[in-house]
Amino acid sequence: MLQSVKVTDYMTRQLITFYADTPLFQAIKVFSEHPVSGAPVVDEAGYLVGVMSEVDCLRGILNKTYHKEEVGGTVGEFMTTKVDTVDGNTDIIAVAEQFIQRGRRRIPVVEEGKLIGQVSRKDILRAVHDFICKERH
């Protein structure tokens, strides 16, 4: 059964992350150079404190432009702090439901508040594909 497949089996462990004091311009540079549209924001101990997305960067640019300021500021000023998370033992069906209900592209995976990975919609599709192929053989 697909419920037996856990997030830790398919999550991405090597992530691009930011700190709250990362300059906004650096986040913009990362998004323009890498095929990701969002990244977790952690503190020095590895605890998840938010998520920074391309949309958050745009919000920062527009905010600064509206106030006739140079593009600046930090990730912490514009990141999303209300973040949906799952733990590593969550089954992929429950995560798929979250993706559908909340319209997310990715969800950070935490263990006692510390970031241990991230699961995306593609990861769930890969898990389903692997499960079906395994069942057929």
Protein backbone atom coordinates (compact mmCIF):
# COMPACT_ATOMS: atom_id res chain seq x y z
CA MET A 1 0.00 0.00 0.00
CA LEU A 2 1.16 3.51 -0.79
CA GLN A 3 0.55 4.53 2.84
CA SER A 4 3.59 2.44 3.76
CA VAL A 5 5.87 4.73 1.73
CA LYS A 6 7.26 7.44 4.02
CA VAL A 7 8.44 10.94 3.22
CA THR A 8 12.01 10.13 4.29
CA ASP A 9 12.20 7.56 1.48
CA TYR A 10 11.78 10.26 -1.19
CA MET A 11 12.51 13.68 0.30
CA THR A 12 15.43 15.79 -0.86
CA ARG A 13 18.11 16.08 1.80
CA GLN A 14 20.59 18.40 0.07
CA LEU A 15 18.81 21.74 0.02
CA ILE A 16 19.51 25.32 -0.79
CA THR A 17 18.72 27.19 2.42
CA PHE A 18 18.86 30.77 3.61
CA TYR A 19 19.31 32.50 6.94
CA ALA A 20 17.03 35.36 7.99
CA ASP A 21 19.95 37.79 7.66
CA THR A 22 20.75 36.69 4.09
CA PRO A 23 20.54 39.78 1.86
CA LEU A 24 17.45 39.84 -0.38
CA PHE A 25 19.65 40.40 -3.42
CA GLN A 26 21.56 37.18 -2.65
CA ALA A 27 18.27 35.21 -2.55
CA ILE A 28 17.29 36.73 -5.90
CA LYS A 29 20.67 35.70 -7.32
CA VAL A 30 20.24 32.11 -6.04
CA PHE A 31 16.76 31.81 -7.58
CA SER A 32 18.01 33.19 -10.89
CA GLU A 33 20.91 30.69 -11.01
CA HIS A 34 19.25 27.50 -9.71
CA PRO A 35 16.14 25.58 -10.79
CA VAL A 36 14.28 26.16 -7.51
CA SER A 37 11.45 28.57 -6.75
CA GLY A 38 11.65 28.48 -2.97
CA ALA A 39 13.95 27.52 -0.13
CA PRO A 40 13.72 26.94 3.62
CA VAL A 41 15.06 29.57 6.00
CA VAL A 42 16.86 28.19 9.05
CA ASP A 43 18.60 29.58 12.10
CA GLU A 44 22.19 28.77 13.07
CA ALA A 45 21.08 25.58 14.85
CA GLY A 46 19.17 24.28 11.82
CA TYR A 47 15.66 25.04 13.08
CA LEU A 48 13.15 26.05 10.42
CA VAL A 49 12.10 29.70 10.80
CA GLY A 50 10.42 30.32 7.45
CA VAL A 51 10.42 29.81 3.71
CA MET A 52 11.64 32.22 1.05
CA SER A 53 10.08 32.02 -2.41
CA GLU A 54 10.38 33.84 -5.70
CA VAL A 55 7.07 35.53 -4.84
CA ASP A 56 8.53 36.73 -1.53
CA CYS A 57 11.46 38.21 -3.49
CA LEU A 58 9.05 40.00 -5.81
CA ARG A 59 7.19 41.32 -2.76
CA GLY A 60 10.48 42.67 -1.44
CA ILE A 61 11.34 44.33 -4.75
CA LEU A 62 7.91 45.95 -5.04
CA ASN A 63 7.98 47.08 -1.42
CA LYS A 64 11.35 48.77 -1.86
CA THR A 65 10.38 50.28 -5.24
CA TYR A 66 7.13 51.65 -3.79
CA HIS A 67 9.12 53.41 -1.10
CA LYS A 68 11.61 54.59 -3.76
CA GLU A 69 14.45 52.66 -2.13
CA GLU A 70 17.16 50.53 -3.67
CA VAL A 71 16.46 46.81 -3.71
CA GLY A 72 17.74 45.67 -0.37
CA GLY A 73 16.73 44.22 2.92
CA THR A 74 17.01 40.68 4.14
CA VAL A 75 15.29 37.36 3.63
CA GLY A 76 13.90 37.68 7.16
CA GLU A 77 11.99 40.83 6.21
CA PHE A 78 10.09 39.17 3.37
CA MET A 79 10.02 35.41 4.04
CA THR A 80 6.85 33.51 4.86
CA THR A 81 6.85 32.53 8.53
CA LYS A 82 3.65 30.48 8.64
CA VAL A 83 4.95 27.29 7.08
CA ASP A 84 3.24 23.92 6.64
CA THR A 85 5.61 21.09 7.59
CA VAL A 86 5.58 17.32 7.87
CA ASP A 87 7.75 14.89 9.78
CA GLY A 88 9.73 12.15 8.11
CA ASN A 89 7.31 9.39 9.09
CA THR A 90 4.38 10.98 7.26
CA ASP A 91 3.11 8.77 4.46
CA ILE A 92 3.17 10.09 0.92
CA ILE A 93 -0.63 9.90 0.54
CA ALA A 94 -1.07 12.34 3.45
CA VAL A 95 1.48 14.66 1.85
CA ALA A 96 -0.27 14.41 -1.52
CA GLU A 97 -3.49 15.48 0.22
CA GLN A 98 -1.70 18.52 1.68
CA PHE A 99 -0.40 19.47 -1.76
CA ILE A 100 -3.91 19.33 -3.19
CA GLN A 101 -5.69 21.06 -0.29
CA ARG A 102 -3.14 23.84 0.22
CA GLY A 103 -1.74 24.29 -3.27
CA ARG A 104 1.88 23.90 -2.17
CA ARG A 105 4.80 22.93 -4.42
CA ARG A 106 7.02 21.74 -1.62
CA ILE A 107 6.81 21.10 2.11
CA PRO A 108 9.74 21.19 4.53
CA VAL A 109 10.36 18.02 6.52
CA VAL A 110 11.26 18.63 10.15
CA GLU A 111 12.23 16.53 13.12
CA GLU A 112 11.61 18.27 16.46
CA GLY A 113 11.66 21.62 14.65
CA LYS A 114 14.95 21.01 12.82
CA LEU A 115 14.96 20.91 9.05
CA ILE A 116 15.94 17.46 7.74
CA GLY A 117 14.73 17.76 4.15
CA GLN A 118 12.00 18.82 1.82
CA VAL A 119 9.38 16.91 -0.15
CA SER A 120 7.99 18.16 -3.44
CA ARG A 121 5.12 17.19 -5.69
CA LYS A 122 7.67 15.59 -8.04
CA ASP A 123 9.00 13.48 -5.15
CA ILE A 124 5.47 12.14 -4.53
CA LEU A 125 4.97 11.34 -8.21
CA ARG A 126 8.34 9.56 -8.27
CA ALA A 127 7.32 7.51 -5.22
CA VAL A 128 4.03 6.50 -6.84
CA HIS A 129 5.82 5.60 -10.07
CA ASP A 130 8.38 3.47 -8.21
CA PHE A 131 5.63 1.76 -6.19
CA ILE A 132 3.58 0.91 -9.29
CA CYS A 133 6.63 -0.39 -11.17
CA LYS A 134 7.59 -2.53 -8.16
CA GLU A 135 4.06 -3.95 -7.92
CA ARG A 136 4.03 -4.93 -11.60
CA HIS A 137 7.22 -6.99 -11.33
